[in-house]
Amino acid sequence: MASTTLAAGLAERETASLNAAMKRAAAATDAALERLLPAPSGEQARVCEAMRYAIFAGGKRLRPFLTLQGAALFGAPEPRAVRAAAAIEMLHTYSLVHDDLPCMDDDDLRRGRPTTHRQFDEATAVLAGDALLTASFEVLAGAETHPDGAVRAELVARLASAGGTSGMIGGQMMDMQAPERDYDEAGVILLQRMKTGALFEFACEAGPILAQASARDRQNLRDYARDLGLAFQIADDLIDALGSTEQAGKTVGKDQDQGKATLISLYGIERARSEAQRLAAQAAAAVSGYGPRADDLKALPFFLLDRAS
């Protein structure tokens, strides 16, 4: 990405630092996932192959990046943080596999290649998603994630909340009903904060939980995640409205075709861009008190907005 187009005018040095940090986080997460996910073998080989197909599809590993950044900010050991990061990516990937199914969003492309149910079949995709979801909790519950069982239990409980009916699943239910509902601004924001934002919040809070940081620190990271998640969703919606299938790596224009209300349809393009900028600045402010240690976190919201510029 050329630094001259970045929404906040990030310096080339800031962009390079963030790119390098994201690549390191992705590599560490991929290495952990390689260790944690079973190799295809025996009678269950097909479902294991589908799990690995879905999770090693070249995603940005944005949520793991947030977890590793939050852990580093408060001194949590990276080996523990990378397990939490891998667990979050497992749950996130399960949600994508299920979202793509014909009974949900009915998508044929994900990250520029056939969706899991197209590459395999619907039943295998359902099982692969189920297995990734189950594995995410197994990883968090493992003693290697943290020696204190109370910390592990809190991680499990918080991920369950972020992924459940008050979080991602509830938001997906709202999204499925959206073509028949006339959601106003508050409704769209609630949908997006549940479907996308809840997992961002847990990704950011997992590091402070692992470090047993203060309640104030955890709240700061949740505040950051809340604004980052909504800015990210606006950028995603701008790509859906204005971008190409090649740019998005998936089918575009589906929200408009299905008559779903988004902040783009409610605000218009220019106001949506302005709101995304405001949210990005607010997110950066939430972690500004941590000084240079949080530079990559402060740069990230603006970096993500450039995807849609």
C-alpha atoms as a PDB file:
ATOM      1  CA  MET A   1       0.000   0.000   0.000  1.00  0.00           C
ATOM      2  CA  ALA A   2       1.394   3.359  -0.932  1.00  0.00           C
ATOM      3  CA  SER A   3       1.785   5.574   2.085  1.00  0.00           C
ATOM      4  CA  THR A   4       0.559   8.634   0.164  1.00  0.00           C
ATOM      5  CA  THR A   5      -2.948   7.152  -0.011  1.00  0.00           C
ATOM      6  CA  LEU A   6      -3.293   6.196   3.624  1.00  0.00           C
ATOM      7  CA  ALA A   7      -6.350   7.718   5.238  1.00  0.00           C
ATOM      8  CA  ALA A   8      -4.417   9.376   8.085  1.00  0.00           C
ATOM      9  CA  GLY A   9      -1.326  10.209   6.069  1.00  0.00           C
ATOM     10  CA  LEU A  10       0.805   7.643   7.912  1.00  0.00           C
ATOM     11  CA  ALA A  11       4.510   8.114   7.401  1.00  0.00           C
ATOM     12  CA  GLU A  12       6.296   5.492   5.345  1.00  0.00           C
ATOM     13  CA  ARG A  13       8.228   4.449   8.456  1.00  0.00           C
ATOM     14  CA  GLU A  14       4.980   3.855  10.392  1.00  0.00           C
ATOM     15  CA  THR A  15       3.537   1.851   7.537  1.00  0.00           C
ATOM     16  CA  ALA A  16       6.672  -0.285   7.246  1.00  0.00           C
ATOM     17  CA  SER A  17       6.711  -0.938  11.006  1.00  0.00           C
ATOM     18  CA  LEU A  18       3.063  -1.992  11.005  1.00  0.00           C
ATOM     19  CA  ASN A  19       3.492  -4.212   7.947  1.00  0.00           C
ATOM     20  CA  ALA A  20       6.460  -5.948   9.545  1.00  0.00           C
ATOM     21  CA  ALA A  21       4.624  -6.448  12.844  1.00  0.00           C
ATOM     22  CA  MET A  22       1.576  -7.906  11.080  1.00  0.00           C
ATOM     23  CA  LYS A  23       3.758 -10.303   9.085  1.00  0.00           C
ATOM     24  CA  ARG A  24       5.513 -11.466  12.257  1.00  0.00           C
ATOM     25  CA  ALA A  25       2.168 -12.025  13.995  1.00  0.00           C
ATOM     26  CA  ALA A  26       0.794 -13.956  11.012  1.00  0.00           C
ATOM     27  CA  ALA A  27       3.893 -16.165  10.845  1.00  0.00           C
ATOM     28  CA  ALA A  28       3.783 -16.906  14.578  1.00  0.00           C
ATOM     29  CA  THR A  29       0.063 -17.697  14.406  1.00  0.00           C
ATOM     30  CA  ASP A  30       0.467 -19.941  11.370  1.00  0.00           C
ATOM     31  CA  ALA A  31       3.260 -21.845  13.105  1.00  0.00           C
ATOM     32  CA  ALA A  32       1.030 -22.373  16.147  1.00  0.00           C
ATOM     33  CA  LEU A  33      -1.905 -23.478  14.006  1.00  0.00           C
ATOM     34  CA  GLU A  34       0.367 -25.897  12.189  1.00  0.00           C
ATOM     35  CA  ARG A  35       1.244 -27.486  15.527  1.00  0.00           C
ATOM     36  CA  LEU A  36      -2.280 -27.437  16.939  1.00  0.00           C
ATOM     37  CA  LEU A  37      -4.370 -28.662  14.029  1.00  0.00           C
ATOM     38  CA  PRO A  38      -4.314 -32.389  13.315  1.00  0.00           C
ATOM     39  CA  ALA A  39      -2.701 -33.578  10.110  1.00  0.00           C
ATOM     40  CA  PRO A  40      -5.107 -35.414   7.792  1.00  0.00           C
ATOM     41  CA  SER A  41      -4.931 -39.121   8.580  1.00  0.00           C
ATOM     42  CA  GLY A  42      -7.149 -42.100   9.251  1.00  0.00           C
ATOM     43  CA  GLU A  43     -10.898 -42.165   8.861  1.00  0.00           C
ATOM     44  CA  GLN A  44     -11.216 -38.482   9.859  1.00  0.00           C
ATOM     45  CA  ALA A  45      -8.707 -37.304   7.231  1.00  0.00           C
ATOM     46  CA  ARG A  46     -11.285 -35.508   5.090  1.00  0.00           C
ATOM     47  CA  VAL A  47     -12.576 -33.244   7.842  1.00  0.00           C
ATOM     48  CA  CYS A  48      -9.019 -32.481   9.004  1.00  0.00           C
ATOM     49  CA  GLU A  49      -8.094 -31.592   5.437  1.00  0.00           C
ATOM     50  CA  ALA A  50     -11.106 -29.256   5.217  1.00  0.00           C
ATOM     51  CA  MET A  51     -10.164 -27.585   8.521  1.00  0.00           C
ATOM     52  CA  ARG A  52      -6.679 -26.897   7.254  1.00  0.00           C
ATOM     53  CA  TYR A  53      -7.958 -25.755   3.859  1.00  0.00           C
ATOM     54  CA  ALA A  54     -10.142 -23.180   5.565  1.00  0.00           C
ATOM     55  CA  ILE A  55      -7.623 -21.891   8.069  1.00  0.00           C
ATOM     56  CA  PHE A  56      -4.577 -21.774   5.807  1.00  0.00           C
ATOM     57  CA  ALA A  57      -6.325 -19.727   3.140  1.00  0.00           C
ATOM     58  CA  GLY A  58      -4.046 -16.708   3.393  1.00  0.00           C
ATOM     59  CA  GLY A  59      -6.052 -14.481   5.724  1.00  0.00           C
ATOM     60  CA  LYS A  60      -4.667 -11.281   7.250  1.00  0.00           C
ATOM     61  CA  ARG A  61      -4.566 -12.781  10.778  1.00  0.00           C
ATOM     62  CA  LEU A  62      -5.798  -9.427  12.025  1.00  0.00           C
ATOM     63  CA  ARG A  63      -7.356 -10.744  15.229  1.00  0.00           C
ATOM     64  CA  PRO A  64      -4.202 -12.684  16.198  1.00  0.00           C
ATOM     65  CA  PHE A  65      -2.194  -9.518  15.546  1.00  0.00           C
ATOM     66  CA  LEU A  66      -4.396  -7.650  18.009  1.00  0.00           C
ATOM     67  CA  THR A  67      -3.972 -10.380  20.617  1.00  0.00           C
ATOM     68  CA  LEU A  68      -0.199 -10.443  20.283  1.00  0.00           C
ATOM     69  CA  GLN A  69      -0.006  -6.650  20.399  1.00  0.00           C
ATOM     70  CA  GLY A  70      -2.151  -6.493  23.530  1.00  0.00           C
ATOM     71  CA  ALA A  71      -0.108  -9.222  25.190  1.00  0.00           C
ATOM     72  CA  ALA A  72       3.179  -7.464  24.410  1.00  0.00           C
ATOM     73  CA  LEU A  73       1.799  -4.179  25.718  1.00  0.00           C
ATOM     74  CA  PHE A  74       1.339  -5.675  29.193  1.00  0.00           C
ATOM     75  CA  GLY A  75       4.174  -8.188  29.266  1.00  0.00           C
ATOM     76  CA  ALA A  76       2.356 -11.496  28.709  1.00  0.00           C
ATOM     77  CA  PRO A  77       4.749 -14.165  27.357  1.00  0.00           C
ATOM     78  CA  GLU A  78       4.402 -14.620  23.607  1.00  0.00           C
ATOM     79  CA  PRO A  79       4.133 -18.450  23.692  1.00  0.00           C
ATOM     80  CA  ARG A  80       0.956 -18.075  25.758  1.00  0.00           C
ATOM     81  CA  ALA A  81      -0.369 -15.215  23.668  1.00  0.00           C
ATOM     82  CA  VAL A  82       0.145 -17.049  20.399  1.00  0.00           C
ATOM     83  CA  ARG A  83      -1.999 -19.936  21.640  1.00  0.00           C
ATOM     84  CA  ALA A  84      -4.803 -17.491  22.420  1.00  0.00           C
ATOM     85  CA  ALA A  85      -4.274 -15.909  19.008  1.00  0.00           C
ATOM     86  CA  ALA A  86      -4.533 -19.295  17.310  1.00  0.00           C
ATOM     87  CA  ALA A  87      -7.718 -20.123  19.232  1.00  0.00           C
ATOM     88  CA  ILE A  88      -9.318 -16.852  18.125  1.00  0.00           C
ATOM     89  CA  GLU A  89      -8.363 -17.524  14.509  1.00  0.00           C
ATOM     90  CA  MET A  90      -9.909 -20.992  14.743  1.00  0.00           C
ATOM     91  CA  LEU A  91     -13.201 -19.559  15.943  1.00  0.00           C
ATOM     92  CA  HIS A  92     -13.109 -16.765  13.368  1.00  0.00           C
ATOM     93  CA  THR A  93     -12.455 -19.258  10.564  1.00  0.00           C
ATOM     94  CA  TYR A  94     -15.290 -21.510  11.704  1.00  0.00           C
ATOM     95  CA  SER A  95     -17.622 -18.526  11.424  1.00  0.00           C
ATOM     96  CA  LEU A  96     -16.472 -17.852   7.852  1.00  0.00           C
ATOM     97  CA  VAL A  97     -16.941 -21.482   6.816  1.00  0.00           C
ATOM     98  CA  HIS A  98     -20.493 -21.489   8.163  1.00  0.00           C
ATOM     99  CA  ASP A  99     -21.328 -17.982   6.875  1.00  0.00           C
ATOM    100  CA  ASP A 100     -20.422 -19.083   3.340  1.00  0.00           C
ATOM    101  CA  LEU A 101     -22.838 -22.039   3.346  1.00  0.00           C
ATOM    102  CA  PRO A 102     -25.866 -21.976   1.002  1.00  0.00           C
ATOM    103  CA  CYS A 103     -28.212 -21.752   4.014  1.00  0.00           C
ATOM    104  CA  MET A 104     -26.404 -18.585   5.161  1.00  0.00           C
ATOM    105  CA  ASP A 105     -24.691 -16.153   2.758  1.00  0.00           C
ATOM    106  CA  ASP A 106     -24.286 -18.698  -0.070  1.00  0.00           C
ATOM    107  CA  ASP A 107     -20.829 -17.579  -1.223  1.00  0.00           C
ATOM    108  CA  ASP A 108     -18.616 -19.370  -3.708  1.00  0.00           C
ATOM    109  CA  LEU A 109     -15.413 -17.412  -3.032  1.00  0.00           C
ATOM    110  CA  ARG A 110     -13.472 -16.695   0.121  1.00  0.00           C
ATOM    111  CA  ARG A 111     -10.042 -15.050   0.059  1.00  0.00           C
ATOM    112  CA  GLY A 112      -9.916 -15.474  -3.690  1.00  0.00           C
ATOM    113  CA  ARG A 113     -10.512 -19.231  -3.851  1.00  0.00           C
ATOM    114  CA  PRO A 114     -13.462 -21.642  -3.582  1.00  0.00           C
ATOM    115  CA  THR A 115     -15.228 -21.633  -0.239  1.00  0.00           C
ATOM    116  CA  THR A 116     -14.850 -24.748   1.892  1.00  0.00           C
ATOM    117  CA  HIS A 117     -18.226 -26.213   0.975  1.00  0.00           C
ATOM    118  CA  ARG A 118     -17.425 -25.714  -2.729  1.00  0.00           C
ATOM    119  CA  GLN A 119     -14.006 -27.312  -2.405  1.00  0.00           C
ATOM    120  CA  PHE A 120     -15.364 -30.242  -0.382  1.00  0.00           C
ATOM    121  CA  ASP A 121     -19.124 -30.501   0.247  1.00  0.00           C
ATOM    122  CA  GLU A 122     -21.667 -28.915   2.570  1.00  0.00           C
ATOM    123  CA  ALA A 123     -21.648 -31.632   5.236  1.00  0.00           C
ATOM    124  CA  THR A 124     -17.857 -31.654   5.429  1.00  0.00           C
ATOM    125  CA  ALA A 125     -17.813 -27.855   5.679  1.00  0.00           C
ATOM    126  CA  VAL A 126     -20.288 -27.946   8.578  1.00  0.00           C
ATOM    127  CA  LEU A 127     -18.164 -30.526  10.395  1.00  0.00           C
ATOM    128  CA  ALA A 128     -14.942 -28.641   9.688  1.00  0.00           C
ATOM    129  CA  GLY A 129     -16.459 -25.484  11.152  1.00  0.00           C
ATOM    130  CA  ASP A 130     -17.734 -27.394  14.175  1.00  0.00           C
ATOM    131  CA  ALA A 131     -14.300 -28.927  14.717  1.00  0.00           C
ATOM    132  CA  LEU A 132     -12.519 -25.549  14.511  1.00  0.00           C
ATOM    133  CA  LEU A 133     -14.957 -24.062  17.018  1.00  0.00           C
ATOM    134  CA  THR A 134     -14.454 -26.953  19.424  1.00  0.00           C
ATOM    135  CA  ALA A 135     -10.656 -26.838  19.037  1.00  0.00           C
ATOM    136  CA  SER A 136     -10.568 -23.137  19.911  1.00  0.00           C
ATOM    137  CA  PHE A 137     -11.835 -23.846  23.421  1.00  0.00           C
ATOM    138  CA  GLU A 138      -9.582 -26.877  23.803  1.00  0.00           C
ATOM    139  CA  VAL A 139      -6.567 -24.663  23.085  1.00  0.00           C
ATOM    140  CA  LEU A 140      -7.584 -21.943  25.546  1.00  0.00           C
ATOM    141  CA  ALA A 141      -8.280 -24.545  28.248  1.00  0.00           C
ATOM    142  CA  GLY A 142      -4.825 -26.130  27.876  1.00  0.00           C
ATOM    143  CA  ALA A 143      -2.304 -25.588  30.677  1.00  0.00           C
ATOM    144  CA  GLU A 144       0.223 -24.250  28.150  1.00  0.00           C
ATOM    145  CA  THR A 145      -2.011 -21.203  27.603  1.00  0.00           C
ATOM    146  CA  HIS A 146      -1.608 -20.049  31.229  1.00  0.00           C
ATOM    147  CA  PRO A 147      -0.582 -21.801  34.454  1.00  0.00           C
ATOM    148  CA  ASP A 148      -3.474 -20.232  36.383  1.00  0.00           C
ATOM    149  CA  GLY A 149      -6.713 -22.123  35.802  1.00  0.00           C
ATOM    150  CA  ALA A 150      -8.766 -19.033  36.672  1.00  0.00           C
ATOM    151  CA  VAL A 151      -7.118 -17.111  33.818  1.00  0.00           C
ATOM    152  CA  ARG A 152      -7.808 -19.970  31.408  1.00  0.00           C
ATOM    153  CA  ALA A 153     -11.420 -20.139  32.565  1.00  0.00           C
ATOM    154  CA  GLU A 154     -11.852 -16.414  32.000  1.00  0.00           C
ATOM    155  CA  LEU A 155     -10.432 -16.684  28.483  1.00  0.00           C
ATOM    156  CA  VAL A 156     -12.841 -19.521  27.696  1.00  0.00           C
ATOM    157  CA  ALA A 157     -15.814 -17.641  29.142  1.00  0.00           C
ATOM    158  CA  ARG A 158     -14.990 -14.406  27.309  1.00  0.00           C
ATOM    159  CA  LEU A 159     -14.508 -16.167  23.973  1.00  0.00           C
ATOM    160  CA  ALA A 160     -17.799 -18.018  24.447  1.00  0.00           C
ATOM    161  CA  SER A 161     -19.550 -14.713  25.102  1.00  0.00           C
ATOM    162  CA  ALA A 162     -17.923 -13.017  22.095  1.00  0.00           C
ATOM    163  CA  GLY A 163     -18.875 -15.893  19.818  1.00  0.00           C
ATOM    164  CA  GLY A 164     -22.358 -16.569  21.185  1.00  0.00           C
ATOM    165  CA  THR A 165     -25.855 -15.138  21.001  1.00  0.00           C
ATOM    166  CA  SER A 166     -24.832 -11.854  22.617  1.00  0.00           C
ATOM    167  CA  GLY A 167     -21.958 -11.558  20.156  1.00  0.00           C
ATOM    168  CA  MET A 168     -21.094 -13.027  16.784  1.00  0.00           C
ATOM    169  CA  ILE A 169     -23.951 -15.526  16.444  1.00  0.00           C
ATOM    170  CA  GLY A 170     -26.520 -12.959  17.547  1.00  0.00           C
ATOM    171  CA  GLY A 171     -25.127 -10.531  14.995  1.00  0.00           C
ATOM    172  CA  GLN A 172     -25.277 -13.170  12.274  1.00  0.00           C
ATOM    173  CA  MET A 173     -28.916 -13.827  13.146  1.00  0.00           C
ATOM    174  CA  MET A 174     -29.623 -10.098  12.787  1.00  0.00           C
ATOM    175  CA  ASP A 175     -27.752 -10.087   9.480  1.00  0.00           C
ATOM    176  CA  MET A 176     -29.828 -12.964   8.134  1.00  0.00           C
ATOM    177  CA  GLN A 177     -33.011 -11.080   9.054  1.00  0.00           C
ATOM    178  CA  ALA A 178     -31.739  -7.790   7.609  1.00  0.00           C
ATOM    179  CA  PRO A 179     -33.395  -8.046   4.160  1.00  0.00           C
ATOM    180  CA  GLU A 180     -36.829  -8.213   5.885  1.00  0.00           C
ATOM    181  CA  ARG A 181     -36.029  -5.657   8.578  1.00  0.00           C
ATOM    182  CA  ASP A 182     -35.798  -1.902   8.238  1.00  0.00           C
ATOM    183  CA  TYR A 183     -32.789  -1.401  10.496  1.00  0.00           C
ATOM    184  CA  ASP A 184     -32.041   2.190  11.441  1.00  0.00           C
ATOM    185  CA  GLU A 185     -28.591   3.515  12.310  1.00  0.00           C
ATOM    186  CA  ALA A 186     -28.716   2.119  15.857  1.00  0.00           C
ATOM    187  CA  GLY A 187     -29.801  -1.293  14.564  1.00  0.00           C
ATOM    188  CA  VAL A 188     -27.028  -1.485  11.973  1.00  0.00           C
ATOM    189  CA  ILE A 189     -24.406  -0.448  14.527  1.00  0.00           C
ATOM    190  CA  LEU A 190     -25.682  -3.067  16.990  1.00  0.00           C
ATOM    191  CA  LEU A 191     -25.576  -5.737  14.271  1.00  0.00           C
ATOM    192  CA  GLN A 192     -22.022  -4.876  13.327  1.00  0.00           C
ATOM    193  CA  ARG A 193     -20.780  -4.587  16.886  1.00  0.00           C
ATOM    194  CA  MET A 194     -22.147  -8.044  17.600  1.00  0.00           C
ATOM    195  CA  LYS A 195     -21.255  -9.828  14.367  1.00  0.00           C
ATOM    196  CA  THR A 196     -17.788  -8.327  13.868  1.00  0.00           C
ATOM    197  CA  GLY A 197     -16.952  -6.189  16.872  1.00  0.00           C
ATOM    198  CA  ALA A 198     -17.412  -8.720  19.683  1.00  0.00           C
ATOM    199  CA  LEU A 199     -14.574 -10.924  18.468  1.00  0.00           C
ATOM    200  CA  PHE A 200     -12.364  -7.867  17.906  1.00  0.00           C
ATOM    201  CA  GLU A 201     -13.015  -6.921  21.535  1.00  0.00           C
ATOM    202  CA  PHE A 202     -11.998 -10.331  22.805  1.00  0.00           C
ATOM    203  CA  ALA A 203      -8.918 -10.371  20.559  1.00  0.00           C
ATOM    204  CA  CYS A 204      -7.805  -7.086  22.117  1.00  0.00           C
ATOM    205  CA  GLU A 205      -8.706  -8.047  25.682  1.00  0.00           C
ATOM    206  CA  ALA A 206      -7.091 -11.496  25.605  1.00  0.00           C
ATOM    207  CA  GLY A 207      -3.597 -10.016  26.004  1.00  0.00           C
ATOM    208  CA  PRO A 208      -4.466  -8.032  29.142  1.00  0.00           C
ATOM    209  CA  ILE A 209      -6.270 -11.088  30.546  1.00  0.00           C
ATOM    210  CA  LEU A 210      -3.161 -13.236  29.993  1.00  0.00           C
ATOM    211  CA  ALA A 211      -1.011 -10.539  31.632  1.00  0.00           C
ATOM    212  CA  GLN A 212      -3.517 -10.148  34.478  1.00  0.00           C
ATOM    213  CA  ALA A 213      -3.535  -6.427  33.754  1.00  0.00           C
ATOM    214  CA  SER A 214      -5.757  -3.916  35.513  1.00  0.00           C
ATOM    215  CA  ALA A 215      -9.445  -3.411  34.843  1.00  0.00           C
ATOM    216  CA  ARG A 216      -8.614   0.043  33.447  1.00  0.00           C
ATOM    217  CA  ASP A 217      -6.146  -1.419  30.957  1.00  0.00           C
ATOM    218  CA  ARG A 218      -8.660  -4.008  29.846  1.00  0.00           C
ATOM    219  CA  GLN A 219     -11.294  -1.314  29.355  1.00  0.00           C
ATOM    220  CA  ASN A 220      -8.891   0.784  27.280  1.00  0.00           C
ATOM    221  CA  LEU A 221      -8.290  -2.145  24.948  1.00  0.00           C
ATOM    222  CA  ARG A 222     -12.013  -2.876  24.694  1.00  0.00           C
ATOM    223  CA  ASP A 223     -12.683   0.791  23.841  1.00  0.00           C
ATOM    224  CA  TYR A 224      -9.999   0.616  21.169  1.00  0.00           C
ATOM    225  CA  ALA A 225     -11.482  -2.577  19.737  1.00  0.00           C
ATOM    226  CA  ARG A 226     -15.031  -1.232  19.690  1.00  0.00           C
ATOM    227  CA  ASP A 227     -14.121   1.709  17.471  1.00  0.00           C
ATOM    228  CA  LEU A 228     -11.640  -0.279  15.401  1.00  0.00           C
ATOM    229  CA  GLY A 229     -14.258  -2.947  14.670  1.00  0.00           C
ATOM    230  CA  LEU A 230     -16.835  -0.470  13.448  1.00  0.00           C
ATOM    231  CA  ALA A 231     -14.284   1.400  11.315  1.00  0.00           C
ATOM    232  CA  PHE A 232     -13.173  -1.943   9.876  1.00  0.00           C
ATOM    233  CA  GLN A 233     -16.764  -2.852   9.020  1.00  0.00           C
ATOM    234  CA  ILE A 234     -17.360   0.476   7.271  1.00  0.00           C
ATOM    235  CA  ALA A 235     -14.199  -0.097   5.223  1.00  0.00           C
ATOM    236  CA  ASP A 236     -15.443  -3.607   4.387  1.00  0.00           C
ATOM    237  CA  ASP A 237     -18.829  -2.211   3.336  1.00  0.00           C
ATOM    238  CA  LEU A 238     -17.126   0.387   1.140  1.00  0.00           C
ATOM    239  CA  ILE A 239     -15.257  -2.398  -0.629  1.00  0.00           C
ATOM    240  CA  ASP A 240     -18.529  -4.307  -1.030  1.00  0.00           C
ATOM    241  CA  ALA A 241     -20.177  -1.201  -2.509  1.00  0.00           C
ATOM    242  CA  LEU A 242     -17.314   0.137  -4.626  1.00  0.00           C
ATOM    243  CA  GLY A 243     -14.668  -2.546  -4.998  1.00  0.00           C
ATOM    244  CA  SER A 244     -14.133  -5.566  -7.207  1.00  0.00           C
ATOM    245  CA  THR A 245     -14.256  -9.276  -6.514  1.00  0.00           C
ATOM    246  CA  GLU A 246     -10.488  -9.356  -7.051  1.00  0.00           C
ATOM    247  CA  GLN A 247      -9.931  -6.640  -4.442  1.00  0.00           C
ATOM    248  CA  ALA A 248     -12.272  -8.198  -1.890  1.00  0.00           C
ATOM    249  CA  GLY A 249     -11.383 -11.849  -2.513  1.00  0.00           C
ATOM    250  CA  LYS A 250     -15.117 -12.620  -2.368  1.00  0.00           C
ATOM    251  CA  THR A 251     -18.328 -11.704  -4.171  1.00  0.00           C
ATOM    252  CA  VAL A 252     -19.118  -7.985  -3.873  1.00  0.00           C
ATOM    253  CA  GLY A 253     -22.387  -6.052  -4.028  1.00  0.00           C
ATOM    254  CA  LYS A 254     -24.409  -8.669  -2.159  1.00  0.00           C
ATOM    255  CA  ASP A 255     -25.616  -6.349   0.603  1.00  0.00           C
ATOM    256  CA  GLN A 256     -27.171  -3.983  -1.902  1.00  0.00           C
ATOM    257  CA  ASP A 257     -28.605  -6.823  -3.992  1.00  0.00           C
ATOM    258  CA  GLN A 258     -30.271  -8.301  -0.905  1.00  0.00           C
ATOM    259  CA  GLY A 259     -31.581  -4.955   0.291  1.00  0.00           C
ATOM    260  CA  LYS A 260     -29.594  -4.999   3.533  1.00  0.00           C
ATOM    261  CA  ALA A 261     -29.182  -1.696   5.339  1.00  0.00           C
ATOM    262  CA  THR A 262     -25.553  -0.755   6.025  1.00  0.00           C
ATOM    263  CA  LEU A 263     -23.950   2.439   7.243  1.00  0.00           C
ATOM    264  CA  ILE A 264     -23.054   3.066   3.593  1.00  0.00           C
ATOM    265  CA  SER A 265     -26.701   2.932   2.532  1.00  0.00           C
ATOM    266  CA  LEU A 266     -27.756   5.067   5.503  1.00  0.00           C
ATOM    267  CA  TYR A 267     -24.957   7.644   5.396  1.00  0.00           C
ATOM    268  CA  GLY A 268     -23.847   7.704   1.791  1.00  0.00           C
ATOM    269  CA  ILE A 269     -20.258   7.169   0.691  1.00  0.00           C
ATOM    270  CA  GLU A 270     -18.676  10.422   1.850  1.00  0.00           C
ATOM    271  CA  ARG A 271     -20.300  10.530   5.285  1.00  0.00           C
ATOM    272  CA  ALA A 272     -19.398   6.866   5.814  1.00  0.00           C
ATOM    273  CA  ARG A 273     -15.775   7.623   5.004  1.00  0.00           C
ATOM    274  CA  SER A 274     -15.830  10.577   7.394  1.00  0.00           C
ATOM    275  CA  GLU A 275     -17.347   8.438  10.162  1.00  0.00           C
ATOM    276  CA  ALA A 276     -14.730   5.740   9.620  1.00  0.00           C
ATOM    277  CA  GLN A 277     -12.003   8.384   9.973  1.00  0.00           C
ATOM    278  CA  ARG A 278     -13.562   9.629  13.215  1.00  0.00           C
ATOM    279  CA  LEU A 279     -13.766   6.108  14.625  1.00  0.00           C
ATOM    280  CA  ALA A 280     -10.158   5.397  13.634  1.00  0.00           C
ATOM    281  CA  ALA A 281      -8.969   8.519  15.432  1.00  0.00           C
ATOM    282  CA  GLN A 282     -11.029   7.615  18.498  1.00  0.00           C
ATOM    283  CA  ALA A 283      -9.573   4.105  18.532  1.00  0.00           C
ATOM    284  CA  ALA A 284      -6.032   5.454  18.359  1.00  0.00           C
ATOM    285  CA  ALA A 285      -6.764   7.857  21.217  1.00  0.00           C
ATOM    286  CA  ALA A 286      -7.886   4.961  23.438  1.00  0.00           C
ATOM    287  CA  VAL A 287      -4.339   3.532  23.471  1.00  0.00           C
ATOM    288  CA  SER A 288      -2.367   6.754  23.114  1.00  0.00           C
ATOM    289  CA  GLY A 289      -1.520   6.736  26.818  1.00  0.00           C
ATOM    290  CA  TYR A 290       0.769   3.736  26.319  1.00  0.00           C
ATOM    291  CA  GLY A 291       3.221   5.783  24.274  1.00  0.00           C
ATOM    292  CA  PRO A 292       5.498   4.343  21.571  1.00  0.00           C
ATOM    293  CA  ARG A 293       4.744   0.754  22.667  1.00  0.00           C
ATOM    294  CA  ALA A 294       1.281   1.198  21.142  1.00  0.00           C
ATOM    295  CA  ASP A 295       2.415   2.837  17.883  1.00  0.00           C
ATOM    296  CA  ASP A 296       1.396  -0.126  15.723  1.00  0.00           C
ATOM    297  CA  LEU A 297      -2.012  -0.315  17.406  1.00  0.00           C
ATOM    298  CA  LYS A 298      -2.509   3.429  16.856  1.00  0.00           C
ATOM    299  CA  ALA A 299      -1.563   3.138  13.171  1.00  0.00           C
ATOM    300  CA  LEU A 300      -3.703   0.062  12.448  1.00  0.00           C
ATOM    301  CA  PRO A 301      -7.167   1.700  12.167  1.00  0.00           C
ATOM    302  CA  PHE A 302      -5.954   4.165   9.525  1.00  0.00           C
ATOM    303  CA  PHE A 303      -4.037   1.455   7.724  1.00  0.00           C
ATOM    304  CA  LEU A 304      -7.186  -0.643   7.425  1.00  0.00           C
ATOM    305  CA  LEU A 305      -9.229   2.255   6.079  1.00  0.00           C
ATOM    306  CA  ASP A 306      -6.874   2.570   3.120  1.00  0.00           C
ATOM    307  CA  ARG A 307      -8.205  -0.777   1.817  1.00  0.00           C
ATOM    308  CA  ALA A 308     -11.357   1.088   0.788  1.00  0.00           C
ATOM    309  CA  SER A 309      -9.819   4.381  -0.389  1.00  0.00           C
END
